[in-house]
């Protein structure tokens, strides 16, 4: 699909300097089918200036400032929406998401792609706020596709620790050693978004769960050991031990992390068939094995220097 700049439909990308939004900007610019409007609170930041240098139209947008959202969405065909509860909390995130949907409807957005999370069977604040926004979007009348994110490779790497052990290293991860975790590479988000945007007849009103792999801590550390040619064994953590974590005097992880993992490992609704769907939709999505091999030096450094 190629045509003059003036005829290209414009996609507004929220969180354009973040991991998911930055991926969407990158993939859409590489594809060339859309004019990319990169939204950020600070248009003078180094990351924003780099986006402009790469060919994006960089526009200021604050999700707490409704007029700025209206201006950012004006004239756009589509929007990639993403919010974070980690900056201001789930209540603020919920309102920001409502603001995005409200403005999308007012501006006549024809395809709103929303990065979300599914609600668990028990309260998890960062999941609940995302799902509330998703429900609001579905009832708004805005044409949408919901992208449900599995655990990302990047967040997995941030939560693992390697310690010296006789004959090699031992990997610690507060997840039952043989429990599988659904995952995908957040840097590939743009590949899925690009494919969905170019196939609206298949994806409007639908949900795509972004998942390319299932991996247990034992498998993860085995892959990292194979890639780095080091002996890495997983520290053993049974399901029973995992379930006792919240009652420890000094839990190794925050309760919300523990709740999130509990949901991921106990959720029978994870659609494993979505792996094939995701591979067919975006064949170049990187596998966990390839990602580990490509990043093994950085992964080893981060895991052996967790406070860096």
Foldseek 3Di string as FASTA:
>chain_A
DADDQVPAAEEEFEPCLDQQSVLQLVLCLVVHRHAYEYEDQDCPDPSNVVSVVSRHNYAYDDLVDLVSLLVRCARHQEYEDDFFCVPPHLVVRLSSLVSNLVSCVVRVHAEYEYEAADQFPDDQRRRVSRVSSVVVNLPSPHFYEYEHFFAEPVVVLLQKAWDDDVQFIEIEHLAAQPFKGFYFHSSCSNLLVVLCVVCVVPGTVYYAYDGQDIDGNQRLQVLLCVLVVTDYGYDHDHPVNSVCQVVDPDRPDDVSVSVSSVRRRPPPPPPPVSNVVNCVSRVPGDDSSVVCNVCSVVSNVCNHCVVD
